[in-house]
Amino acid sequence: MAFRFDYRDVTAFKVLLVLSFMYGLMSALVYSIVHLKFVKPLDSDAPLDRFSEARAIQHVRVLADEIGDRQEGRPGLREAAVYIKTQLEGIKERAGPKFRIEIEENVVNGSFNMIFLGHSISLGYRNHTNIVMRISSTDSQDTDPSVLMNGHFDGPLSSPGAGDCGSCVASMLELARLTIDSGWIPPRPIIFLFNGAEELFMLGAHGFMKAHKWRDSVGAVINVEASGTGGLDLVCQSGPSSWPSSVYAQSAIYPMAHSAAQDVFPVIPGDTDYRIFSQDYGDIPGLDIIFLIGGYYYHTSHDTVDRLLPGSVQARGDNLFNVLKAFSNSSKLQNAHDRASFEATGIKNTDERAIFFDYLTWFMIYYSRSRATVLHGIPIVIFITVPFFLRLLNSGLHSWFATYSDFVKGMMIHATGKMLAIIFPIAFSVLRLLFSGYAMSWFAHPFLAFMMFIPCSLLGLLIPRSLWSHFPLSQDAMLLKTSKEALSDEARFWGAFGFYAMLTMAYLVAGLTGGFLTFIVATSMLPAWIFFCISINFYGRRSLRYLFL
């Protein structure tokens, strides 16, 4: 039996080629952005007034390879503290006469309670080491508002800790060197806190906030963390006001920040030192910046220097140096006394968390919550008024109700498809476990995850569309002098638009900041619909030019 192909099969094959080429280009672009392929790391012989990834990696090699295990009770932790202090002393010796450099080694003790994963935990600790460096001008005072940068040099069990958090410590050492060698004298003091007990429920940060003499001077905090080996260095938390994210948006060279991350992070079963500084004990405005890519190496023996993604430390260093400068120059930087005095005035702080996101690390879009109230409400207004303009002016009120009814059907169909697109991969995962003993074999292999779960998700997404014909339209095609196919396209499109409009409004009402995601989807659908209508009129529904438009 011979297989014969007609012109429709040839057209379908061309469509698949065009789609594969288009999504291939998009995937290549996203991959290069996520892995920071466009950032060129500077060598160790780079000018001293530039941040150098190679110089920072030398510190990571010492911490992760030569010293090794940096856990409490292991000699490596003490060796790391000695190494960090020695490097800081060398930086101090090169400082000019206009700098005031102070280096301290503090042993912290204390106890506190915290809620972790819904459980109350009581912690007591003693003899944990913090290394602190303060860089300021010669005329600075201990009470001057300062900027704190925090990173931990202890590591997880059985892990070299190159990413978590040798890369953080190395970045801070290079930043401290850069501050001195570049000749930039901070107008406000900069404090580098190398804390030795983060993995043990953030004990080092707590010790600093409860006992150190500079704790009340801190006006802004930048917590540097890693849950992977590089890639996107994302601002996962910011607050308690919108000021820290605003500073970052204006100063970062490679902006990597999404306010949606603040909605997701509280659900993740983990915490960082940011919690101690900005939530539990300090209420200090700050940023929590975390490496995200390579999470399958996180807290494992594979978190080694050779797995750090090239360009990641360079982008982090360039960003952090600019952000440090911006915080230090900001007129809004206040110490604890100034913040308390402002609160005592009784003036309510209406500076809520803003909405912000970067576009492929090229630039950052930032707007206030009050502006978001107006912008994010536009899609729902459009969804409600479109049937009026489409039908009521020509066909009367009854046709408006029929049109709106079809739009709601389209929205329900789209919502069902979205739910099935989530349920089907989960069901497949559960069924797979019945035949395989490897629970997460896909975790370290993104392409395997793609092949396993994307087809299932697409199947769930397309099932409601295939059943669309079984749901009769409320509108009369003959009365409206159009085709049922056109009415079906219209109902499906505006139903999907209404789904994202509703979701955007739900984000806004819930007080979350990730509504920009669905807002972008909804607004980008409008020009897509215009081109869709134009392409049908000029090229019909079967040509490749129609598909392109």
Protein backbone atom coordinates (compact mmCIF):
# COMPACT_ATOMS: atom_id res chain seq x y z
CA MET A 1 0.00 0.00 0.00
CA ALA A 2 1.56 3.28 -1.11
CA PHE A 3 1.27 6.49 0.86
CA ARG A 4 0.19 9.50 -1.14
CA PHE A 5 0.47 13.08 -0.03
CA ASP A 6 -1.78 15.82 -1.26
CA TYR A 7 -1.16 19.58 -1.19
CA ARG A 8 -2.53 19.87 2.36
CA ASP A 9 0.09 17.44 3.68
CA VAL A 10 2.84 19.42 1.95
CA THR A 11 1.51 22.65 3.45
CA ALA A 12 1.36 21.05 6.91
CA PHE A 13 4.96 19.90 6.57
CA LYS A 14 6.04 23.42 5.62
CA VAL A 15 4.16 24.75 8.65
CA LEU A 16 6.05 22.36 10.93
CA LEU A 17 9.37 23.47 9.43
CA VAL A 18 8.52 27.14 9.88
CA LEU A 19 7.40 26.60 13.49
CA SER A 20 10.49 24.50 14.29
CA PHE A 21 12.78 27.17 12.86
CA MET A 22 10.99 29.97 14.72
CA TYR A 23 10.94 28.22 18.09
CA GLY A 24 14.52 27.05 17.55
CA LEU A 25 15.68 30.65 17.19
CA MET A 26 13.67 31.71 20.22
CA SER A 27 15.08 28.84 22.30
CA ALA A 28 18.65 29.67 21.25
CA LEU A 29 18.15 33.31 22.25
CA VAL A 30 16.66 32.41 25.63
CA TYR A 31 19.40 29.83 26.30
CA SER A 32 22.13 32.38 25.59
CA ILE A 33 20.45 34.94 27.86
CA VAL A 34 19.82 32.53 30.73
CA HIS A 35 23.40 31.25 30.62
CA LEU A 36 24.81 34.78 30.14
CA LYS A 37 26.67 33.86 26.96
CA PHE A 38 26.82 37.54 26.03
CA VAL A 39 28.89 38.49 29.09
CA LYS A 40 32.65 38.34 28.54
CA PRO A 41 34.56 37.39 31.71
CA LEU A 42 37.62 39.52 32.41
CA ASP A 43 40.98 37.80 32.92
CA SER A 44 43.16 38.06 36.01
CA ASP A 45 45.33 40.69 34.28
CA ALA A 46 42.34 42.98 33.69
CA PRO A 47 42.69 46.61 34.83
CA LEU A 48 42.51 46.99 38.59
CA ASP A 49 39.61 49.41 38.32
CA ARG A 50 37.42 46.66 36.79
CA PHE A 51 35.78 43.65 38.41
CA SER A 52 37.47 40.48 37.18
CA GLU A 53 35.76 37.09 37.19
CA ALA A 54 39.11 35.33 36.87
CA ARG A 55 40.44 36.99 40.03
CA ALA A 56 37.25 36.02 41.87
CA ILE A 57 37.47 32.41 40.65
CA GLN A 58 40.94 32.17 42.19
CA HIS A 59 39.30 32.72 45.59
CA VAL A 60 36.66 30.08 44.80
CA ARG A 61 39.39 27.56 43.96
CA VAL A 62 41.05 28.13 47.32
CA LEU A 63 37.78 27.85 49.25
CA ALA A 64 36.31 24.88 47.35
CA ASP A 65 39.39 22.92 46.25
CA GLU A 66 42.30 23.67 48.56
CA ILE A 67 40.36 24.17 51.81
CA GLY A 68 37.42 21.90 51.04
CA ASP A 69 34.77 21.07 53.64
CA ARG A 70 33.60 24.25 55.36
CA GLN A 71 31.04 22.91 57.79
CA GLU A 72 30.72 23.62 61.49
CA GLY A 73 33.12 21.40 63.41
CA ARG A 74 35.40 20.86 60.40
CA PRO A 75 38.86 22.51 60.25
CA GLY A 76 38.01 23.85 56.79
CA LEU A 77 35.62 26.39 58.26
CA ARG A 78 38.36 27.94 60.39
CA GLU A 79 40.81 27.85 57.48
CA ALA A 80 38.29 29.70 55.32
CA ALA A 81 37.89 32.40 57.99
CA VAL A 82 41.67 32.82 58.20
CA TYR A 83 41.96 33.03 54.40
CA ILE A 84 39.21 35.66 54.12
CA LYS A 85 40.72 37.79 56.88
CA THR A 86 44.19 37.53 55.33
CA GLN A 87 42.84 38.72 51.96
CA LEU A 88 41.06 41.64 53.62
CA GLU A 89 44.22 42.64 55.48
CA GLY A 90 46.08 42.68 52.16
CA ILE A 91 43.42 44.96 50.69
CA LYS A 92 43.70 47.25 53.71
CA GLU A 93 47.44 47.61 53.22
CA ARG A 94 46.89 48.93 49.68
CA ALA A 95 44.28 51.50 50.73
CA GLY A 96 45.12 55.16 50.29
CA PRO A 97 45.13 57.79 53.07
CA LYS A 98 41.57 58.90 52.32
CA PHE A 99 40.15 55.49 53.23
CA ARG A 100 39.21 54.31 56.68
CA ILE A 101 39.37 50.50 56.76
CA GLU A 102 38.23 48.44 59.76
CA ILE A 103 38.42 44.65 59.90
CA GLU A 104 37.00 42.58 62.75
CA GLU A 105 36.68 38.92 63.57
CA ASN A 106 33.65 38.36 65.78
CA VAL A 107 32.62 35.26 67.67
CA VAL A 108 28.83 35.30 68.08
CA ASN A 109 26.59 33.54 70.57
CA GLY A 110 22.84 33.70 71.09
CA SER A 111 19.43 32.10 70.85
CA PHE A 112 16.14 32.82 69.09
CA ASN A 113 12.89 31.36 67.87
CA MET A 114 11.72 31.21 64.26
CA ILE A 115 8.90 29.79 62.20
CA PHE A 116 10.21 27.49 59.48
CA LEU A 117 7.87 25.55 57.17
CA GLY A 118 5.03 26.22 59.58
CA HIS A 119 6.87 24.88 62.62
CA SER A 120 8.24 26.84 65.58
CA ILE A 121 11.96 26.18 66.07
CA SER A 122 14.10 27.26 69.02
CA LEU A 123 17.81 27.69 68.30
CA GLY A 124 20.76 28.23 70.61
CA TYR A 125 24.32 28.68 69.37
CA ARG A 126 27.80 29.68 70.44
CA ASN A 127 31.27 30.28 69.05
CA HIS A 128 30.37 31.00 65.41
CA THR A 129 32.77 33.24 63.50
CA ASN A 130 31.95 36.30 61.41
CA ILE A 131 34.51 38.36 59.50
CA VAL A 132 33.46 42.00 59.04
CA MET A 133 35.09 44.71 56.93
CA ARG A 134 33.98 48.36 56.90
CA ILE A 135 35.18 50.72 54.18
CA SER A 136 34.50 54.42 54.63
CA SER A 137 36.06 57.84 54.34
CA THR A 138 38.37 59.14 57.05
CA ASP A 139 35.75 61.56 58.37
CA SER A 140 32.97 58.97 58.71
CA GLN A 141 31.27 58.15 62.02
CA ASP A 142 30.16 54.78 63.39
CA THR A 143 26.54 55.95 63.31
CA ASP A 144 26.59 57.02 59.65
CA PRO A 145 24.02 55.13 57.56
CA SER A 146 25.81 52.26 55.85
CA VAL A 147 25.25 49.65 53.15
CA LEU A 148 25.71 46.02 54.22
CA MET A 149 26.64 43.25 51.79
CA ASN A 150 26.32 39.76 53.24
CA GLY A 151 27.53 36.36 52.08
CA HIS A 152 28.29 33.15 53.96
CA PHE A 153 31.51 31.15 53.79
CA ASP A 154 30.22 27.98 55.44
CA GLY A 155 29.05 25.23 53.12
CA PRO A 156 26.53 22.38 53.08
CA LEU A 157 27.49 18.88 54.14
CA SER A 158 29.47 16.78 51.65
CA SER A 159 29.75 19.64 49.19
CA PRO A 160 32.75 21.73 48.07
CA GLY A 161 30.35 24.70 48.00
CA ALA A 162 31.83 26.43 44.95
CA GLY A 163 28.49 27.92 43.98
CA ASP A 164 26.91 27.94 47.43
CA CYS A 165 28.50 30.06 48.52
CA GLY A 166 32.14 30.22 47.56
CA SER A 167 31.13 32.29 44.56
CA CYS A 168 29.43 34.78 46.89
CA VAL A 169 32.48 35.18 49.13
CA ALA A 170 34.78 35.46 46.11
CA SER A 171 32.57 38.16 44.57
CA MET A 172 32.62 40.14 47.80
CA LEU A 173 36.42 39.87 48.14
CA GLU A 174 36.83 41.13 44.57
CA LEU A 175 34.34 43.93 45.23
CA ALA A 176 36.23 45.00 48.35
CA ARG A 177 39.46 45.04 46.33
CA LEU A 178 37.75 46.95 43.51
CA THR A 179 36.45 49.59 45.92
CA ILE A 180 40.02 50.31 47.08
CA ASP A 181 41.87 49.96 43.77
CA SER A 182 39.34 51.99 41.78
CA GLY A 183 39.84 54.94 44.12
CA TRP A 184 36.12 55.27 44.77
CA ILE A 185 35.65 56.56 48.31
CA PRO A 186 32.12 55.65 49.39
CA PRO A 187 30.13 58.69 50.57
CA ARG A 188 28.48 56.33 53.08
CA PRO A 189 30.24 53.37 54.72
CA ILE A 190 30.21 49.95 53.04
CA ILE A 191 30.15 46.89 55.32
CA PHE A 192 31.13 43.46 54.01
CA LEU A 193 29.85 40.70 56.30
CA PHE A 194 31.39 37.28 55.69
CA ASN A 195 29.28 35.16 58.02
CA GLY A 196 30.25 31.66 59.01
CA ALA A 197 26.89 30.09 59.86
CA GLU A 198 24.15 30.44 57.27
CA GLU A 199 23.49 26.77 56.54
CA LEU A 200 22.66 26.27 60.23
CA PHE A 201 19.47 28.35 60.18
CA MET A 202 21.16 31.71 59.55
CA LEU A 203 22.95 31.90 62.90
CA GLY A 204 25.78 34.16 61.68
CA ALA A 205 23.40 36.84 60.42
CA HIS A 206 21.41 36.67 63.67
CA GLY A 207 24.60 37.08 65.67
CA PHE A 208 25.51 40.21 63.72
CA MET A 209 22.05 41.77 64.12
CA LYS A 210 21.90 41.12 67.87
CA ALA A 211 25.40 41.99 68.99
CA HIS A 212 27.54 43.92 66.51
CA LYS A 213 28.25 47.59 67.12
CA TRP A 214 27.44 48.52 63.50
CA ARG A 215 24.08 46.76 63.32
CA ASP A 216 22.05 49.93 63.92
CA SER A 217 23.94 51.86 61.26
CA VAL A 218 22.81 49.58 58.42
CA GLY A 219 20.42 51.41 56.09
CA ALA A 220 20.33 48.90 53.22
CA VAL A 221 21.34 45.28 52.84
CA ILE A 222 22.34 43.23 49.80
CA ASN A 223 22.26 39.50 50.51
CA VAL A 224 24.23 37.43 47.99
CA GLU A 225 23.25 33.78 47.65
CA ALA A 226 23.36 30.81 45.27
CA SER A 227 21.01 27.90 44.70
CA GLY A 228 22.94 26.85 41.61
CA THR A 229 26.22 27.43 39.83
CA GLY A 230 25.50 30.63 37.93
CA GLY A 231 23.30 31.93 35.17
CA LEU A 232 20.58 34.36 36.13
CA ASP A 233 21.52 36.26 39.29
CA LEU A 234 17.92 37.02 40.12
CA VAL A 235 16.53 39.48 42.65
CA CYS A 236 14.21 37.01 44.38
CA GLN A 237 13.16 39.25 47.27
CA SER A 238 13.16 42.99 47.89
CA GLY A 239 11.58 45.26 50.41
CA PRO A 240 10.08 46.10 52.74
CA SER A 241 9.44 49.18 50.54
CA SER A 242 9.89 49.72 46.81
CA TRP A 243 13.07 51.75 47.31
CA PRO A 244 15.58 48.82 47.04
CA SER A 245 14.08 47.52 43.79
CA SER A 246 14.02 51.07 42.42
CA VAL A 247 17.73 51.49 43.17
CA TYR A 248 18.48 48.18 41.47
CA ALA A 249 16.38 49.05 38.41
CA GLN A 250 18.27 52.31 37.92
CA SER A 251 21.79 51.01 38.51
CA ALA A 252 22.18 47.35 37.44
CA ILE A 253 24.16 46.88 34.21
CA TYR A 254 22.57 43.49 33.52
CA PRO A 255 19.21 43.75 35.28
CA MET A 256 17.88 40.38 36.40
CA ALA A 257 14.82 40.95 38.54
CA HIS A 258 11.17 39.88 38.51
CA SER A 259 8.68 40.97 41.12
CA ALA A 260 6.85 37.68 40.43
CA ALA A 261 9.71 35.92 42.25
CA GLN A 262 8.54 37.58 45.48
CA ASP A 263 5.20 35.80 45.10
CA VAL A 264 6.87 32.42 44.58
CA PHE A 265 9.74 32.57 47.09
CA PRO A 266 7.60 32.25 50.26
CA VAL A 267 6.30 28.91 48.94
CA ILE A 268 9.81 27.49 48.50
CA PRO A 269 10.92 25.32 51.48
CA GLY A 270 14.02 27.36 52.26
CA ASP A 271 15.29 30.70 53.52
CA THR A 272 18.24 33.04 53.23
CA ASP A 273 19.92 35.59 55.50
CA TYR A 274 17.69 38.22 53.90
CA ARG A 275 14.97 37.06 56.26
CA ILE A 276 17.05 37.95 59.32
CA PHE A 277 18.02 41.41 58.06
CA SER A 278 14.83 42.60 56.39
CA GLN A 279 12.02 40.67 58.06
CA ASP A 280 12.67 39.12 61.46
CA TYR A 281 15.19 41.37 63.22
CA GLY A 282 16.05 44.47 61.25
CA ASP A 283 13.25 45.59 58.94
CA ILE A 284 16.11 46.88 56.80
CA PRO A 285 15.38 47.72 53.15
CA GLY A 286 17.25 45.24 51.02
CA LEU A 287 17.71 42.87 48.11
CA ASP A 288 18.07 39.09 48.04
CA ILE A 289 20.09 38.16 44.93
CA ILE A 290 20.48 34.48 44.06
CA PHE A 291 22.16 32.36 41.35
CA LEU A 292 19.45 30.11 39.89
CA ILE A 293 20.84 27.98 37.06
CA GLY A 294 22.44 24.60 37.81
CA GLY A 295 20.19 23.81 40.74
CA TYR A 296 20.86 20.08 40.30
CA TYR A 297 24.38 20.69 41.68
CA TYR A 298 23.05 22.62 44.68
CA HIS A 299 24.06 21.08 48.04
CA THR A 300 25.75 18.12 46.34
CA SER A 301 29.31 16.91 45.86
CA HIS A 302 29.10 18.16 42.26
CA ASP A 303 29.04 21.85 43.27
CA THR A 304 32.61 22.32 42.04
CA VAL A 305 34.56 25.19 40.49
CA ASP A 306 34.51 23.75 36.97
CA ARG A 307 30.70 23.82 36.97
CA LEU A 308 30.45 27.57 37.57
CA LEU A 309 28.96 29.06 34.40
CA PRO A 310 31.39 31.46 32.69
CA GLY A 311 30.22 35.05 32.76
CA SER A 312 27.97 34.60 35.78
CA VAL A 313 30.39 35.94 38.39
CA GLN A 314 31.41 38.75 36.02
CA ALA A 315 27.80 39.88 35.55
CA ARG A 316 27.18 39.61 39.30
CA GLY A 317 30.24 41.69 40.15
CA ASP A 318 29.48 44.41 37.61
CA ASN A 319 25.90 44.63 38.86
CA LEU A 320 26.76 44.64 42.56
CA PHE A 321 29.41 47.35 42.29
CA ASN A 322 26.95 49.69 40.57
CA VAL A 323 24.20 48.84 43.06
CA LEU A 324 26.59 49.47 45.97
CA LYS A 325 27.38 52.89 44.56
CA ALA A 326 23.71 53.70 44.06
CA PHE A 327 22.73 52.73 47.60
CA SER A 328 25.68 54.62 49.07
CA ASN A 329 24.74 57.78 47.16
CA SER A 330 21.01 57.58 47.87
CA SER A 331 19.44 60.26 50.03
CA LYS A 332 16.96 57.66 51.32
CA LEU A 333 19.66 55.66 53.12
CA GLN A 334 18.80 55.83 56.84
CA ASN A 335 20.17 54.15 59.94
CA ALA A 336 17.91 52.42 62.48
CA HIS A 337 17.47 55.59 64.57
CA ASP A 338 16.35 57.63 61.56
CA ARG A 339 13.89 54.94 60.47
CA ALA A 340 12.45 54.73 63.97
CA SER A 341 12.13 58.52 64.16
CA PHE A 342 10.24 58.56 60.87
CA GLU A 343 7.83 55.88 62.10
CA ALA A 344 7.35 57.79 65.38
CA THR A 345 6.02 60.79 63.46
CA GLY A 346 2.91 58.76 62.73
CA ILE A 347 3.17 59.34 59.00
CA LYS A 348 1.98 56.19 57.28
CA ASN A 349 4.42 54.79 54.74
CA THR A 350 2.43 54.27 51.55
CA ASP A 351 5.49 53.14 49.60
CA GLU A 352 4.28 49.67 48.64
CA ARG A 353 6.22 47.07 46.70
CA ALA A 354 6.42 47.96 43.03
CA ILE A 355 6.03 45.86 39.90
CA PHE A 356 9.24 45.31 37.95
CA PHE A 357 10.80 42.93 35.47
CA ASP A 358 13.73 42.84 33.08
CA TYR A 359 13.57 42.14 29.37
CA LEU A 360 16.28 39.61 28.49
CA THR A 361 18.65 41.45 30.90
CA TRP A 362 18.74 44.33 28.36
CA PHE A 363 16.64 46.79 30.32
CA MET A 364 14.19 46.89 33.19
CA ILE A 365 10.58 48.01 33.34
CA TYR A 366 9.50 49.42 36.68
CA TYR A 367 6.24 51.00 37.80
CA SER A 368 4.41 51.67 41.05
CA ARG A 369 1.53 49.67 42.42
CA SER A 370 -0.84 52.61 41.98
CA ARG A 371 0.05 52.75 38.30
CA ALA A 372 -0.37 48.99 38.08
CA THR A 373 -3.91 49.37 39.39
CA VAL A 374 -4.74 51.40 36.28
CA LEU A 375 -2.67 49.46 33.73
CA HIS A 376 -3.61 45.97 34.90
CA GLY A 377 -7.28 46.88 34.90
CA ILE A 378 -7.28 47.81 31.21
CA PRO A 379 -7.54 44.21 29.85
CA ILE A 380 -10.67 43.42 31.87
CA VAL A 381 -12.28 46.66 30.69
CA ILE A 382 -11.49 45.72 27.09
CA PHE A 383 -12.92 42.23 27.57
CA ILE A 384 -16.19 43.62 28.91
CA THR A 385 -16.62 46.35 26.30
CA VAL A 386 -15.55 44.50 23.13
CA PRO A 387 -18.90 42.67 22.69
CA PHE A 388 -20.66 46.03 22.94
CA PHE A 389 -18.66 47.51 20.08
CA LEU A 390 -18.79 44.33 18.01
CA ARG A 391 -22.53 43.68 18.18
CA LEU A 392 -24.66 46.13 20.11
CA LEU A 393 -24.28 49.03 17.68
CA ASN A 394 -25.40 46.85 14.77
CA SER A 395 -27.48 43.98 16.10
CA GLY A 396 -28.98 45.01 19.42
CA LEU A 397 -28.82 43.92 23.04
CA HIS A 398 -29.71 40.28 22.41
CA SER A 399 -26.73 39.85 20.11
CA TRP A 400 -24.49 41.44 22.76
CA PHE A 401 -25.58 38.81 25.30
CA ALA A 402 -25.03 36.03 22.77
CA THR A 403 -21.55 37.33 21.94
CA TYR A 404 -20.58 37.66 25.58
CA SER A 405 -21.92 34.14 26.21
CA ASP A 406 -19.64 32.76 23.47
CA PHE A 407 -16.69 34.67 24.91
CA VAL A 408 -17.32 33.11 28.32
CA LYS A 409 -17.48 29.66 26.71
CA GLY A 410 -14.15 30.37 25.03
CA MET A 411 -12.68 31.45 28.37
CA MET A 412 -13.86 28.26 30.08
CA ILE A 413 -12.43 26.14 27.26
CA HIS A 414 -9.06 27.94 27.56
CA ALA A 415 -9.03 27.62 31.35
CA THR A 416 -9.80 23.90 31.05
CA GLY A 417 -6.95 23.49 28.61
CA LYS A 418 -4.55 25.24 31.00
CA MET A 419 -5.60 22.98 33.88
CA LEU A 420 -5.24 19.83 31.77
CA ALA A 421 -1.83 21.06 30.61
CA ILE A 422 -0.78 20.90 34.27
CA ILE A 423 -2.67 17.76 35.28
CA PHE A 424 -1.47 15.55 32.41
CA PRO A 425 2.29 15.90 33.15
CA ILE A 426 1.63 15.28 36.85
CA ALA A 427 -0.41 12.17 36.02
CA PHE A 428 2.35 10.98 33.69
CA SER A 429 4.94 11.45 36.45
CA VAL A 430 2.88 9.38 38.88
CA LEU A 431 2.33 6.61 36.32
CA ARG A 432 6.03 6.58 35.42
CA LEU A 433 6.96 5.90 39.02
CA LEU A 434 4.98 2.63 38.82
CA PHE A 435 7.44 1.34 36.22
CA SER A 436 10.66 3.09 37.23
CA GLY A 437 12.54 3.44 40.50
CA TYR A 438 14.19 6.73 39.48
CA ALA A 439 12.00 9.55 40.77
CA MET A 440 13.73 12.59 39.23
CA SER A 441 15.94 11.24 36.45
CA TRP A 442 15.01 14.30 34.37
CA PHE A 443 16.13 16.90 36.91
CA ALA A 444 19.70 17.33 35.64
CA HIS A 445 18.73 16.85 31.99
CA PRO A 446 16.49 19.68 30.71
CA PHE A 447 16.07 18.06 27.28
CA LEU A 448 14.83 14.84 28.89
CA ALA A 449 12.34 16.84 30.93
CA PHE A 450 11.23 18.57 27.74
CA MET A 451 10.63 15.27 25.93
CA MET A 452 8.81 13.76 28.90
CA PHE A 453 6.49 16.55 29.96
CA ILE A 454 5.96 19.01 27.09
CA PRO A 455 4.09 16.51 24.83
CA CYS A 456 1.80 15.61 27.75
CA SER A 457 1.17 19.26 28.45
CA LEU A 458 0.41 20.03 24.80
CA LEU A 459 -2.01 17.10 24.68
CA GLY A 460 -3.89 18.47 27.68
CA LEU A 461 -3.88 21.94 26.17
CA LEU A 462 -5.32 20.79 22.83
CA ILE A 463 -8.05 18.41 24.05
CA PRO A 464 -10.58 21.17 24.90
CA ARG A 465 -9.96 22.79 21.49
CA SER A 466 -10.71 19.51 19.74
CA LEU A 467 -14.00 19.31 21.64
CA TRP A 468 -14.95 22.91 20.79
CA SER A 469 -17.20 21.85 17.93
CA HIS A 470 -19.47 20.00 20.37
CA PHE A 471 -20.34 23.29 22.09
CA PRO A 472 -22.89 25.17 19.94
CA LEU A 473 -22.41 28.90 19.50
CA SER A 474 -24.99 31.26 20.95
CA GLN A 475 -24.67 33.60 17.95
CA ASP A 476 -26.43 33.08 14.64
CA ALA A 477 -23.89 33.13 11.80
CA MET A 478 -26.57 33.71 9.16
CA LEU A 479 -28.02 36.67 11.05
CA LEU A 480 -24.57 38.23 11.42
CA LYS A 481 -23.70 37.41 7.79
CA THR A 482 -20.45 35.67 8.67
CA SER A 483 -19.14 32.12 8.93
CA LYS A 484 -19.23 29.81 11.95
CA GLU A 485 -15.47 29.39 11.62
CA ALA A 486 -14.98 33.14 12.03
CA LEU A 487 -17.30 33.25 15.05
CA SER A 488 -15.45 30.28 16.59
CA ASP A 489 -12.08 31.98 16.09
CA GLU A 490 -13.47 35.14 17.64
CA ALA A 491 -14.92 33.33 20.67
CA ARG A 492 -11.74 31.32 21.29
CA PHE A 493 -9.48 34.36 21.02
CA TRP A 494 -11.51 36.69 23.22
CA GLY A 495 -12.15 33.86 25.65
CA ALA A 496 -8.39 33.35 26.06
CA PHE A 497 -7.93 37.11 26.34
CA GLY A 498 -10.60 37.23 29.04
CA PHE A 499 -8.87 34.40 30.91
CA TYR A 500 -5.60 36.35 31.14
CA ALA A 501 -7.45 39.58 31.91
CA MET A 502 -9.24 37.88 34.82
CA LEU A 503 -5.98 36.38 36.06
CA THR A 504 -4.30 39.79 35.92
CA MET A 505 -7.08 41.29 38.00
CA ALA A 506 -6.90 38.37 40.48
CA TYR A 507 -3.17 39.05 40.98
CA LEU A 508 -3.93 42.69 41.66
CA VAL A 509 -6.74 42.02 44.15
CA ALA A 510 -4.62 39.45 45.99
CA GLY A 511 -1.87 42.03 46.53
CA LEU A 512 0.68 40.03 44.50
CA THR A 513 3.23 41.60 42.18
CA GLY A 514 3.45 38.98 39.44
CA GLY A 515 0.43 40.17 37.49
CA PHE A 516 2.68 41.73 34.86
CA LEU A 517 3.15 38.23 33.38
CA THR A 518 -0.50 37.75 32.45
CA PHE A 519 -0.82 41.46 31.64
CA ILE A 520 1.93 41.11 29.01
CA VAL A 521 0.25 38.03 27.56
CA ALA A 522 -3.12 39.80 27.35
CA THR A 523 -1.77 43.00 25.80
CA SER A 524 0.42 41.15 23.29
CA MET A 525 -2.63 39.21 22.12
CA LEU A 526 -4.26 42.40 20.81
CA PRO A 527 -1.76 43.14 17.99
CA ALA A 528 -1.68 39.40 17.29
CA TRP A 529 -5.46 39.45 16.72
CA ILE A 530 -5.17 42.46 14.43
CA PHE A 531 -2.53 40.72 12.28
CA PHE A 532 -4.62 37.54 12.36
CA CYS A 533 -7.63 39.35 10.91
CA ILE A 534 -5.53 41.15 8.31
CA SER A 535 -3.85 37.91 7.19
CA ILE A 536 -7.20 36.15 6.71
CA ASN A 537 -8.53 39.00 4.58
CA PHE A 538 -5.46 39.13 2.34
CA TYR A 539 -4.11 35.57 2.29
CA GLY A 540 -6.87 33.25 3.52
CA ARG A 541 -6.37 30.55 6.11
CA ARG A 542 -4.13 28.10 4.28
CA SER A 543 -1.04 30.04 3.21
CA LEU A 544 2.32 30.32 4.95
CA ARG A 545 2.10 34.11 4.78
CA TYR A 546 -1.04 33.85 6.89
CA LEU A 547 0.83 31.70 9.41
CA PHE A 548 3.72 34.17 9.56
CA LEU A 549 1.45 37.13 10.27
